[in-house]
N, C-alpha and C. Protein backbone atom coordinates (compact mmCIF):
# COMPACT_ATOMS: atom_id res chain seq x y z
N UNK A 1 -14.00 19.24 -14.71
CA UNK A 1 -13.52 18.11 -13.94
C UNK A 1 -12.68 18.58 -12.76
N UNK A 2 -11.80 19.54 -12.99
CA UNK A 2 -10.96 20.04 -11.91
C UNK A 2 -11.82 20.66 -10.81
N UNK A 3 -12.87 21.35 -11.21
CA UNK A 3 -13.76 21.98 -10.25
C UNK A 3 -14.43 20.92 -9.37
N UNK A 4 -14.85 19.81 -9.97
CA UNK A 4 -15.50 18.74 -9.21
C UNK A 4 -14.51 18.12 -8.23
N UNK A 5 -13.27 17.92 -8.67
CA UNK A 5 -12.26 17.37 -7.77
C UNK A 5 -11.97 18.31 -6.61
N UNK A 6 -11.88 19.60 -6.89
CA UNK A 6 -11.63 20.57 -5.82
C UNK A 6 -12.79 20.59 -4.83
N UNK A 7 -14.03 20.48 -5.32
CA UNK A 7 -15.18 20.42 -4.43
C UNK A 7 -15.13 19.17 -3.56
N UNK A 8 -14.74 18.06 -4.14
CA UNK A 8 -14.63 16.81 -3.38
C UNK A 8 -13.60 16.96 -2.27
N UNK A 9 -12.50 17.59 -2.59
CA UNK A 9 -11.43 17.77 -1.61
C UNK A 9 -11.89 18.68 -0.46
N UNK A 10 -12.66 19.71 -0.76
CA UNK A 10 -13.16 20.59 0.30
C UNK A 10 -14.07 19.82 1.25
N UNK A 11 -14.85 18.90 0.71
CA UNK A 11 -15.77 18.12 1.55
C UNK A 11 -15.06 16.98 2.27
N UNK A 12 -14.01 16.49 1.66
CA UNK A 12 -13.26 15.37 2.23
C UNK A 12 -11.77 15.74 2.24
N UNK A 13 -11.32 16.48 3.25
CA UNK A 13 -9.95 17.02 3.26
C UNK A 13 -8.84 15.97 3.21
N UNK A 14 -9.17 14.72 3.51
CA UNK A 14 -8.13 13.68 3.46
C UNK A 14 -7.75 13.30 2.03
N UNK A 15 -8.54 13.73 1.05
CA UNK A 15 -8.23 13.46 -0.35
C UNK A 15 -6.97 14.24 -0.73
N UNK A 16 -6.07 13.57 -1.43
CA UNK A 16 -4.88 14.23 -1.96
C UNK A 16 -5.02 14.29 -3.47
N UNK A 17 -4.94 15.49 -4.01
CA UNK A 17 -5.03 15.66 -5.46
C UNK A 17 -3.64 15.89 -6.03
N UNK A 18 -3.27 15.01 -6.95
CA UNK A 18 -1.95 15.06 -7.56
C UNK A 18 -2.12 15.23 -9.06
N UNK A 19 -1.49 16.24 -9.62
CA UNK A 19 -1.55 16.48 -11.05
C UNK A 19 -0.36 15.80 -11.71
N UNK A 20 -0.64 14.88 -12.62
CA UNK A 20 0.43 14.21 -13.35
C UNK A 20 0.71 15.00 -14.63
N UNK A 21 1.96 15.27 -14.86
CA UNK A 21 2.35 15.96 -16.09
C UNK A 21 3.28 15.06 -16.90
N UNK A 22 3.02 14.91 -18.20
CA UNK A 22 3.87 14.07 -19.03
C UNK A 22 5.11 14.80 -19.54
N UNK A 23 5.17 16.10 -19.30
CA UNK A 23 6.28 16.90 -19.82
C UNK A 23 7.18 17.34 -18.68
N UNK A 24 8.46 17.28 -18.94
CA UNK A 24 9.45 17.61 -17.92
C UNK A 24 9.21 19.02 -17.39
N UNK A 25 8.90 19.17 -16.10
CA UNK A 25 8.48 20.46 -15.57
C UNK A 25 9.53 21.55 -15.62
N UNK A 26 10.79 21.19 -15.80
CA UNK A 26 11.82 22.22 -15.86
C UNK A 26 11.78 22.94 -17.20
N UNK A 27 11.38 22.22 -18.26
CA UNK A 27 11.28 22.85 -19.59
C UNK A 27 10.17 23.88 -19.65
N UNK A 28 9.07 23.60 -18.99
CA UNK A 28 7.92 24.50 -19.00
C UNK A 28 7.28 24.46 -17.62
N UNK A 29 7.16 25.61 -17.01
CA UNK A 29 6.57 25.67 -15.67
C UNK A 29 5.12 25.20 -15.72
N UNK A 30 4.74 24.45 -14.70
CA UNK A 30 3.37 23.93 -14.60
C UNK A 30 2.72 24.59 -13.39
N UNK A 31 1.61 25.25 -13.62
CA UNK A 31 0.86 25.87 -12.53
C UNK A 31 -0.18 24.89 -12.03
N UNK A 32 -0.13 24.61 -10.75
CA UNK A 32 -1.11 23.69 -10.17
C UNK A 32 -2.48 24.36 -10.10
N UNK A 33 -3.51 23.66 -10.55
CA UNK A 33 -4.86 24.21 -10.39
C UNK A 33 -5.20 24.32 -8.90
N UNK A 34 -6.10 25.23 -8.58
CA UNK A 34 -6.52 25.42 -7.20
C UNK A 34 -7.02 24.10 -6.62
N UNK A 35 -6.56 23.80 -5.42
CA UNK A 35 -7.00 22.60 -4.73
C UNK A 35 -6.04 21.42 -4.88
N UNK A 36 -5.15 21.46 -5.86
CA UNK A 36 -4.21 20.36 -6.03
C UNK A 36 -3.06 20.51 -5.05
N UNK A 37 -2.55 19.37 -4.58
CA UNK A 37 -1.52 19.38 -3.56
C UNK A 37 -0.10 19.35 -4.12
N UNK A 38 0.08 18.63 -5.20
CA UNK A 38 1.44 18.48 -5.71
C UNK A 38 1.42 18.08 -7.19
N UNK A 39 2.59 18.12 -7.76
CA UNK A 39 2.79 17.75 -9.16
C UNK A 39 3.58 16.44 -9.20
N UNK A 40 3.21 15.56 -10.12
CA UNK A 40 3.92 14.29 -10.28
C UNK A 40 4.40 14.17 -11.72
N UNK A 41 5.67 13.89 -11.87
CA UNK A 41 6.25 13.64 -13.18
C UNK A 41 6.78 12.21 -13.17
N UNK A 42 6.21 11.32 -14.01
CA UNK A 42 6.64 9.92 -14.01
C UNK A 42 8.14 9.78 -14.31
N UNK A 43 8.79 8.82 -13.71
CA UNK A 43 10.23 8.65 -13.92
C UNK A 43 10.54 8.19 -15.35
N UNK A 44 11.74 8.50 -15.77
CA UNK A 44 12.31 8.04 -17.03
C UNK A 44 11.60 8.56 -18.28
N UNK A 45 10.99 9.72 -18.20
CA UNK A 45 10.37 10.29 -19.39
C UNK A 45 11.20 11.41 -20.01
N UNK A 46 12.31 11.78 -19.38
CA UNK A 46 13.11 12.91 -19.86
C UNK A 46 13.57 12.73 -21.30
N UNK A 47 13.82 11.50 -21.71
CA UNK A 47 14.34 11.26 -23.06
C UNK A 47 13.25 10.89 -24.06
N UNK A 48 12.01 10.79 -23.62
CA UNK A 48 10.90 10.44 -24.50
C UNK A 48 10.49 11.68 -25.30
N UNK A 49 10.35 11.56 -26.61
CA UNK A 49 9.93 12.72 -27.41
C UNK A 49 8.55 13.22 -26.96
N UNK A 50 8.33 14.51 -27.04
CA UNK A 50 7.06 15.10 -26.59
C UNK A 50 5.85 14.43 -27.22
N UNK A 51 5.94 14.04 -28.49
CA UNK A 51 4.78 13.44 -29.16
C UNK A 51 4.38 12.10 -28.55
N UNK A 52 5.28 11.46 -27.82
CA UNK A 52 4.98 10.17 -27.19
C UNK A 52 4.86 10.26 -25.68
N UNK A 53 5.09 11.45 -25.12
CA UNK A 53 5.15 11.60 -23.66
C UNK A 53 3.83 11.28 -22.98
N UNK A 54 2.70 11.72 -23.54
CA UNK A 54 1.41 11.47 -22.90
C UNK A 54 1.11 9.98 -22.89
N UNK A 55 1.37 9.31 -24.00
CA UNK A 55 1.12 7.87 -24.08
C UNK A 55 1.96 7.12 -23.06
N UNK A 56 3.25 7.44 -22.98
CA UNK A 56 4.13 6.75 -22.03
C UNK A 56 3.76 7.06 -20.58
N UNK A 57 3.38 8.31 -20.30
CA UNK A 57 2.98 8.68 -18.93
C UNK A 57 1.71 7.92 -18.54
N UNK A 58 0.76 7.83 -19.45
CA UNK A 58 -0.48 7.10 -19.17
C UNK A 58 -0.20 5.62 -18.95
N UNK A 59 0.69 5.04 -19.73
CA UNK A 59 1.05 3.64 -19.54
C UNK A 59 1.70 3.43 -18.17
N UNK A 60 2.54 4.36 -17.78
CA UNK A 60 3.17 4.27 -16.45
C UNK A 60 2.10 4.28 -15.36
N UNK A 61 1.12 5.16 -15.49
CA UNK A 61 0.06 5.25 -14.49
C UNK A 61 -0.74 3.95 -14.43
N UNK A 62 -1.00 3.33 -15.57
CA UNK A 62 -1.71 2.05 -15.60
C UNK A 62 -0.88 0.98 -14.89
N UNK A 63 0.41 0.97 -15.13
CA UNK A 63 1.28 -0.02 -14.50
C UNK A 63 1.30 0.11 -12.97
N UNK A 64 1.06 1.31 -12.47
CA UNK A 64 1.14 1.56 -11.03
C UNK A 64 -0.22 1.62 -10.34
N UNK A 65 -1.29 1.33 -11.07
CA UNK A 65 -2.64 1.51 -10.53
C UNK A 65 -3.35 0.18 -10.32
N UNK A 66 -4.29 0.20 -9.41
CA UNK A 66 -5.16 -0.94 -9.18
C UNK A 66 -6.52 -0.75 -9.83
N UNK A 67 -6.86 0.50 -10.13
CA UNK A 67 -8.16 0.84 -10.70
C UNK A 67 -7.98 1.81 -11.87
N UNK A 68 -8.79 1.62 -12.89
CA UNK A 68 -8.84 2.56 -14.02
C UNK A 68 -10.30 2.86 -14.27
N UNK A 69 -10.67 4.11 -14.06
CA UNK A 69 -12.03 4.55 -14.34
C UNK A 69 -11.94 5.51 -15.52
N UNK A 70 -12.64 5.18 -16.58
CA UNK A 70 -12.53 5.97 -17.80
C UNK A 70 -13.90 6.25 -18.39
N UNK A 71 -13.89 7.13 -19.36
CA UNK A 71 -15.08 7.36 -20.19
C UNK A 71 -14.58 7.39 -21.62
N UNK A 72 -14.45 6.22 -22.20
CA UNK A 72 -13.93 6.08 -23.57
C UNK A 72 -15.07 5.62 -24.45
N UNK A 73 -15.44 6.45 -25.41
CA UNK A 73 -16.55 6.09 -26.29
C UNK A 73 -16.13 6.01 -27.76
N UNK A 74 -15.05 6.68 -28.13
CA UNK A 74 -14.63 6.70 -29.53
C UNK A 74 -13.71 5.52 -29.80
N UNK A 75 -14.01 4.72 -30.84
CA UNK A 75 -13.21 3.51 -31.08
C UNK A 75 -11.78 3.79 -31.55
N UNK A 76 -11.54 4.92 -32.16
CA UNK A 76 -10.19 5.23 -32.68
C UNK A 76 -9.61 6.40 -31.89
N UNK A 77 -9.09 6.09 -30.71
CA UNK A 77 -8.51 7.15 -29.90
C UNK A 77 -7.38 6.59 -29.06
N UNK A 78 -6.50 7.49 -28.60
CA UNK A 78 -5.43 7.06 -27.70
C UNK A 78 -6.00 6.56 -26.38
N UNK A 79 -7.13 7.12 -25.96
CA UNK A 79 -7.77 6.66 -24.73
C UNK A 79 -8.23 5.21 -24.88
N UNK A 80 -8.78 4.87 -26.03
CA UNK A 80 -9.22 3.48 -26.28
C UNK A 80 -8.00 2.55 -26.26
N UNK A 81 -6.91 2.99 -26.86
CA UNK A 81 -5.69 2.17 -26.86
C UNK A 81 -5.18 1.96 -25.44
N UNK A 82 -5.27 2.99 -24.61
CA UNK A 82 -4.83 2.85 -23.23
C UNK A 82 -5.73 1.87 -22.47
N UNK A 83 -7.02 1.94 -22.72
CA UNK A 83 -7.97 1.02 -22.10
C UNK A 83 -7.64 -0.42 -22.48
N UNK A 84 -7.34 -0.65 -23.75
CA UNK A 84 -6.98 -1.98 -24.21
C UNK A 84 -5.64 -2.42 -23.62
N UNK A 85 -4.69 -1.48 -23.53
CA UNK A 85 -3.39 -1.77 -22.93
C UNK A 85 -3.56 -2.22 -21.47
N UNK A 86 -4.45 -1.56 -20.75
CA UNK A 86 -4.67 -1.89 -19.34
C UNK A 86 -5.27 -3.28 -19.18
N UNK A 87 -6.02 -3.74 -20.17
CA UNK A 87 -6.67 -5.04 -20.07
C UNK A 87 -5.86 -6.19 -20.63
N UNK A 88 -4.63 -5.93 -21.04
CA UNK A 88 -3.78 -6.97 -21.60
C UNK A 88 -2.41 -6.98 -20.93
N UNK A 89 -1.58 -7.87 -21.32
CA UNK A 89 -0.19 -7.91 -20.86
C UNK A 89 -0.05 -8.14 -19.37
N UNK A 90 0.93 -7.48 -18.77
CA UNK A 90 1.27 -7.73 -17.37
C UNK A 90 0.18 -7.28 -16.40
N UNK A 91 -0.70 -6.37 -16.82
CA UNK A 91 -1.74 -5.87 -15.93
C UNK A 91 -3.04 -6.66 -16.05
N UNK A 92 -3.14 -7.56 -17.00
CA UNK A 92 -4.37 -8.31 -17.20
C UNK A 92 -4.75 -9.04 -15.92
N UNK A 93 -5.97 -8.79 -15.46
CA UNK A 93 -6.46 -9.42 -14.25
C UNK A 93 -5.99 -8.77 -12.96
N UNK A 94 -5.08 -7.80 -13.04
CA UNK A 94 -4.55 -7.14 -11.85
C UNK A 94 -5.09 -5.72 -11.67
N UNK A 95 -5.78 -5.22 -12.67
CA UNK A 95 -6.32 -3.87 -12.59
C UNK A 95 -7.82 -3.94 -12.85
N UNK A 96 -8.58 -3.27 -12.02
CA UNK A 96 -10.03 -3.23 -12.17
C UNK A 96 -10.36 -2.09 -13.12
N UNK A 97 -10.98 -2.41 -14.25
CA UNK A 97 -11.27 -1.41 -15.28
C UNK A 97 -12.76 -1.16 -15.34
N UNK A 98 -13.12 0.10 -15.27
CA UNK A 98 -14.51 0.52 -15.43
C UNK A 98 -14.54 1.59 -16.50
N UNK A 99 -15.22 1.30 -17.60
CA UNK A 99 -15.42 2.30 -18.64
C UNK A 99 -16.85 2.80 -18.53
N UNK A 100 -17.01 4.01 -18.03
CA UNK A 100 -18.34 4.55 -17.79
C UNK A 100 -19.14 4.70 -19.08
N UNK A 101 -18.48 4.76 -20.21
CA UNK A 101 -19.20 4.85 -21.48
C UNK A 101 -19.94 3.56 -21.80
N UNK A 102 -19.52 2.45 -21.19
CA UNK A 102 -20.20 1.17 -21.41
C UNK A 102 -21.42 1.01 -20.51
N UNK A 103 -21.58 1.89 -19.56
CA UNK A 103 -22.67 1.81 -18.59
C UNK A 103 -23.74 2.82 -18.97
N UNK A 104 -24.96 2.52 -18.62
CA UNK A 104 -26.05 3.48 -18.79
C UNK A 104 -26.12 4.30 -17.51
N UNK A 105 -25.44 5.43 -17.52
CA UNK A 105 -25.46 6.29 -16.34
C UNK A 105 -26.07 7.62 -16.70
N UNK A 106 -26.69 8.22 -15.74
CA UNK A 106 -27.28 9.54 -15.93
C UNK A 106 -26.72 10.44 -14.85
N UNK A 107 -25.86 11.35 -15.25
CA UNK A 107 -25.26 12.26 -14.30
C UNK A 107 -26.21 13.41 -14.02
N UNK A 108 -26.30 13.84 -12.76
CA UNK A 108 -27.14 15.00 -12.45
C UNK A 108 -26.56 16.25 -13.07
N UNK A 109 -27.42 17.19 -13.37
CA UNK A 109 -26.96 18.46 -13.96
C UNK A 109 -26.08 19.21 -12.98
N UNK A 110 -26.37 19.10 -11.70
CA UNK A 110 -25.59 19.77 -10.67
C UNK A 110 -24.73 18.73 -9.98
N UNK A 111 -23.47 18.63 -10.37
CA UNK A 111 -22.58 17.61 -9.81
C UNK A 111 -22.36 17.80 -8.32
N UNK A 112 -22.50 19.02 -7.82
CA UNK A 112 -22.30 19.26 -6.38
C UNK A 112 -23.28 18.46 -5.54
N UNK A 113 -24.42 18.11 -6.12
CA UNK A 113 -25.42 17.36 -5.35
C UNK A 113 -25.00 15.93 -5.07
N UNK A 114 -24.05 15.40 -5.83
CA UNK A 114 -23.60 14.03 -5.58
C UNK A 114 -22.35 13.97 -4.72
N UNK A 115 -21.74 15.09 -4.50
CA UNK A 115 -20.52 15.11 -3.71
C UNK A 115 -20.83 15.29 -2.29
């Protein structure tokens, strides 16, 4: 996935790639993958236990987004819970949700051909 994003950025330099980290970057250094521009750490996660940090960071991203594109196929997963969270509560009707697992899509073997 990172490779596809980096290829997209090379073809479209106006794209900004931001890596979101759920863990406080001072505790553990985060190395940006090639092609990424910056690191983003959601606010107010410093006191959240590590076991809940990913869930809270993902919820923050849903709260700040207009679009959610996912590939959630397993019914019992944190990703499924996030998808349901995005479709309810304060974001209901305000976020466009696309779950690619619900669509019949056929990805080409060579992703570079679609970029």
